N, C-alpha and C. Protein backbone atom coordinates (compact mmCIF):
# COMPACT_ATOMS: atom_id res chain seq x y z
N MET A 1 88.36 19.09 104.15
CA MET A 1 89.21 17.97 103.89
C MET A 1 88.38 16.78 103.38
N TYR A 2 87.29 16.47 104.08
CA TYR A 2 86.44 15.37 103.66
C TYR A 2 85.90 15.58 102.24
N LEU A 3 85.42 16.77 101.99
CA LEU A 3 84.80 17.03 100.69
C LEU A 3 85.82 16.97 99.56
N GLN A 4 87.03 17.41 99.81
CA GLN A 4 88.07 17.34 98.79
C GLN A 4 88.39 15.88 98.45
N ILE A 5 88.45 15.04 99.45
CA ILE A 5 88.73 13.62 99.22
C ILE A 5 87.58 12.98 98.44
N LEU A 6 86.34 13.29 98.86
CA LEU A 6 85.19 12.74 98.13
C LEU A 6 85.15 13.22 96.69
N LYS A 7 85.52 14.46 96.47
CA LYS A 7 85.56 15.00 95.12
C LYS A 7 86.56 14.22 94.26
N GLN A 8 87.71 13.89 94.85
CA GLN A 8 88.72 13.14 94.10
C GLN A 8 88.31 11.69 93.91
N MET A 9 87.52 11.14 94.83
CA MET A 9 87.06 9.75 94.71
C MET A 9 85.97 9.60 93.66
N ASN A 10 85.15 10.62 93.50
CA ASN A 10 84.00 10.53 92.61
C ASN A 10 84.44 10.35 91.16
N LYS A 11 84.00 9.26 90.57
CA LYS A 11 84.31 8.93 89.17
C LYS A 11 85.80 8.87 88.89
N ASN A 12 86.56 8.42 89.86
CA ASN A 12 88.01 8.29 89.69
C ASN A 12 88.29 7.05 88.82
N PRO A 13 88.95 7.22 87.66
CA PRO A 13 89.17 6.09 86.77
C PRO A 13 90.30 5.16 87.22
N ASN A 14 91.14 5.63 88.14
CA ASN A 14 92.28 4.84 88.59
C ASN A 14 91.92 4.06 89.85
N PRO A 15 91.81 2.72 89.76
CA PRO A 15 91.38 1.93 90.93
C PRO A 15 92.34 2.04 92.12
N SER A 16 93.63 2.06 91.88
CA SER A 16 94.57 2.13 93.01
C SER A 16 94.49 3.50 93.69
N SER A 17 94.29 4.54 92.93
CA SER A 17 94.13 5.87 93.51
C SER A 17 92.85 5.93 94.34
N PHE A 18 91.79 5.34 93.84
CA PHE A 18 90.52 5.31 94.56
C PHE A 18 90.68 4.60 95.90
N ILE A 19 91.35 3.46 95.90
CA ILE A 19 91.56 2.70 97.14
C ILE A 19 92.40 3.50 98.12
N ASN A 20 93.44 4.16 97.63
CA ASN A 20 94.27 4.98 98.51
C ASN A 20 93.48 6.14 99.12
N LEU A 21 92.60 6.73 98.34
CA LEU A 21 91.76 7.80 98.86
C LEU A 21 90.78 7.27 99.90
N GLN A 22 90.26 6.08 99.69
CA GLN A 22 89.37 5.47 100.69
C GLN A 22 90.13 5.22 101.99
N ARG A 23 91.34 4.75 101.88
CA ARG A 23 92.17 4.52 103.08
C ARG A 23 92.46 5.82 103.81
N LEU A 24 92.76 6.86 103.06
CA LEU A 24 93.00 8.17 103.66
C LEU A 24 91.76 8.66 104.39
N LEU A 25 90.61 8.48 103.78
CA LEU A 25 89.35 8.87 104.41
C LEU A 25 89.13 8.09 105.71
N ALA A 26 89.48 6.81 105.72
CA ALA A 26 89.34 6.00 106.92
C ALA A 26 90.26 6.50 108.04
N VAL A 27 91.48 6.86 107.68
CA VAL A 27 92.43 7.37 108.69
C VAL A 27 91.93 8.70 109.27
N ILE A 28 91.50 9.59 108.41
CA ILE A 28 91.00 10.88 108.87
C ILE A 28 89.77 10.68 109.76
N SER A 29 88.92 9.74 109.38
CA SER A 29 87.71 9.46 110.16
C SER A 29 88.03 8.93 111.55
N SER A 30 89.20 8.33 111.71
CA SER A 30 89.61 7.84 113.02
C SER A 30 89.96 8.97 113.97
N TYR A 31 90.30 10.12 113.43
CA TYR A 31 90.72 11.25 114.24
C TYR A 31 89.62 12.27 114.48
N ILE A 32 88.87 12.56 113.43
CA ILE A 32 87.87 13.63 113.54
C ILE A 32 86.70 13.33 112.60
N ALA A 33 85.51 13.57 113.11
CA ALA A 33 84.31 13.39 112.28
C ALA A 33 84.06 14.66 111.47
N PRO A 34 83.39 14.53 110.34
CA PRO A 34 83.05 15.74 109.59
C PRO A 34 82.05 16.60 110.36
N SER A 35 81.95 17.85 109.99
CA SER A 35 81.01 18.74 110.67
C SER A 35 79.59 18.23 110.48
N GLY A 36 78.71 18.63 111.38
CA GLY A 36 77.33 18.18 111.34
C GLY A 36 76.64 18.45 110.02
N LYS A 37 77.05 19.52 109.38
CA LYS A 37 76.46 19.91 108.09
C LYS A 37 76.70 18.85 107.01
N PHE A 38 77.87 18.22 107.03
CA PHE A 38 78.26 17.26 106.00
C PHE A 38 78.26 15.81 106.47
N TYR A 39 78.05 15.59 107.73
CA TYR A 39 78.14 14.25 108.32
C TYR A 39 77.25 13.25 107.59
N PHE A 40 75.97 13.56 107.45
CA PHE A 40 75.04 12.61 106.83
C PHE A 40 75.23 12.51 105.32
N ILE A 41 75.69 13.57 104.71
CA ILE A 41 75.99 13.52 103.26
C ILE A 41 77.12 12.53 103.00
N ILE A 42 78.15 12.60 103.82
CA ILE A 42 79.30 11.70 103.64
C ILE A 42 78.92 10.26 103.98
N LEU A 43 78.16 10.08 105.07
CA LEU A 43 77.69 8.73 105.39
C LEU A 43 76.86 8.14 104.26
N ASN A 44 76.00 8.95 103.67
CA ASN A 44 75.17 8.50 102.55
C ASN A 44 76.04 8.11 101.36
N TYR A 45 77.05 8.92 101.06
CA TYR A 45 77.96 8.63 99.95
C TYR A 45 78.64 7.28 100.18
N LEU A 46 79.15 7.06 101.40
CA LEU A 46 79.85 5.80 101.70
C LEU A 46 78.88 4.61 101.66
N TYR A 47 77.67 4.81 102.16
CA TYR A 47 76.68 3.75 102.13
C TYR A 47 76.36 3.36 100.69
N ASN A 48 76.23 4.34 99.82
CA ASN A 48 75.98 4.05 98.40
C ASN A 48 77.16 3.34 97.77
N LYS A 49 78.38 3.65 98.19
CA LYS A 49 79.56 2.94 97.69
C LYS A 49 79.52 1.47 98.08
N ILE A 50 79.03 1.19 99.29
CA ILE A 50 78.91 -0.20 99.74
C ILE A 50 77.94 -0.95 98.84
N LYS A 51 76.83 -0.31 98.51
CA LYS A 51 75.81 -0.96 97.69
C LYS A 51 76.26 -1.17 96.25
N THR A 52 77.09 -0.26 95.71
CA THR A 52 77.43 -0.33 94.29
C THR A 52 78.82 -0.90 94.00
N ASP A 53 79.71 -0.88 94.98
CA ASP A 53 81.09 -1.32 94.76
C ASP A 53 81.44 -2.44 95.73
N CYS A 54 81.10 -3.67 95.35
CA CYS A 54 81.29 -4.81 96.24
C CYS A 54 82.77 -5.08 96.55
N GLU A 55 83.64 -4.78 95.60
CA GLU A 55 85.06 -5.04 95.81
C GLU A 55 85.65 -4.25 96.96
N ASN A 56 85.25 -2.99 97.08
CA ASN A 56 85.84 -2.10 98.08
C ASN A 56 84.87 -1.76 99.21
N SER A 57 83.88 -2.60 99.42
CA SER A 57 82.87 -2.27 100.42
C SER A 57 83.40 -2.38 101.85
N SER A 58 84.39 -3.23 102.08
CA SER A 58 84.89 -3.40 103.45
C SER A 58 85.54 -2.12 103.98
N ILE A 59 86.30 -1.42 103.15
CA ILE A 59 86.93 -0.18 103.61
C ILE A 59 85.87 0.90 103.83
N SER A 60 84.82 0.90 103.02
CA SER A 60 83.73 1.87 103.23
C SER A 60 83.00 1.59 104.54
N ARG A 61 82.77 0.32 104.83
CA ARG A 61 82.14 -0.05 106.10
C ARG A 61 83.00 0.39 107.28
N TYR A 62 84.29 0.12 107.17
CA TYR A 62 85.22 0.50 108.23
C TYR A 62 85.20 2.02 108.44
N THR A 63 85.20 2.77 107.35
CA THR A 63 85.19 4.23 107.44
C THR A 63 83.91 4.73 108.10
N ILE A 64 82.78 4.13 107.77
CA ILE A 64 81.52 4.51 108.39
C ILE A 64 81.59 4.28 109.91
N ILE A 65 82.09 3.14 110.31
CA ILE A 65 82.21 2.84 111.74
C ILE A 65 83.11 3.86 112.42
N ARG A 66 84.25 4.18 111.79
CA ARG A 66 85.17 5.16 112.38
C ARG A 66 84.52 6.53 112.49
N MET A 67 83.77 6.93 111.49
CA MET A 67 83.11 8.24 111.52
C MET A 67 82.08 8.31 112.64
N ILE A 68 81.30 7.26 112.79
CA ILE A 68 80.29 7.24 113.84
C ILE A 68 80.95 7.31 115.21
N ARG A 69 82.00 6.53 115.42
CA ARG A 69 82.70 6.56 116.71
C ARG A 69 83.34 7.91 116.97
N SER A 70 83.93 8.50 115.95
CA SER A 70 84.54 9.83 116.12
C SER A 70 83.48 10.87 116.45
N LYS A 71 82.33 10.76 115.83
CA LYS A 71 81.24 11.71 116.11
C LYS A 71 80.76 11.57 117.55
N GLU A 72 80.66 10.32 118.03
CA GLU A 72 80.20 10.07 119.40
C GLU A 72 81.21 10.53 120.44
N ARG A 73 82.49 10.30 120.17
CA ARG A 73 83.54 10.55 121.18
C ARG A 73 84.20 11.91 121.07
N GLY A 74 84.05 12.57 119.95
CA GLY A 74 84.70 13.87 119.77
C GLY A 74 86.15 13.71 119.34
N LEU A 75 86.90 14.80 119.41
CA LEU A 75 88.30 14.78 118.99
C LEU A 75 89.13 13.82 119.82
N ARG A 76 90.08 13.16 119.19
CA ARG A 76 90.98 12.26 119.90
C ARG A 76 92.00 13.05 120.70
N LYS A 77 92.36 12.51 121.85
CA LYS A 77 93.42 13.11 122.65
C LYS A 77 94.73 12.39 122.43
N ASN A 78 94.66 11.13 121.99
CA ASN A 78 95.84 10.31 121.74
C ASN A 78 95.75 9.71 120.34
N LEU A 79 96.90 9.36 119.80
CA LEU A 79 96.93 8.70 118.50
C LEU A 79 96.38 7.28 118.64
N PRO A 80 95.64 6.80 117.63
CA PRO A 80 95.16 5.41 117.68
C PRO A 80 96.34 4.47 117.46
N LEU A 81 96.39 3.40 118.21
CA LEU A 81 97.47 2.42 118.07
C LEU A 81 96.93 1.09 117.62
């Protein structure tokens, strides 16, 4: 799921689509972290987005925080409110 979203985000010419994909990634990150195999790859991708895309860096930062917390806490038992 994570990799498919990143694939669609990469070089996406439509700014609104890119933002929606970033939001989707943030929501998914609130529920479940990517597998250990891809965890650091995805974090690196988001970190690079922060450095290169100042307009949308806040959502990337938020997604990174959500991923780290999900990784630390494991799967959610309740929906985030």
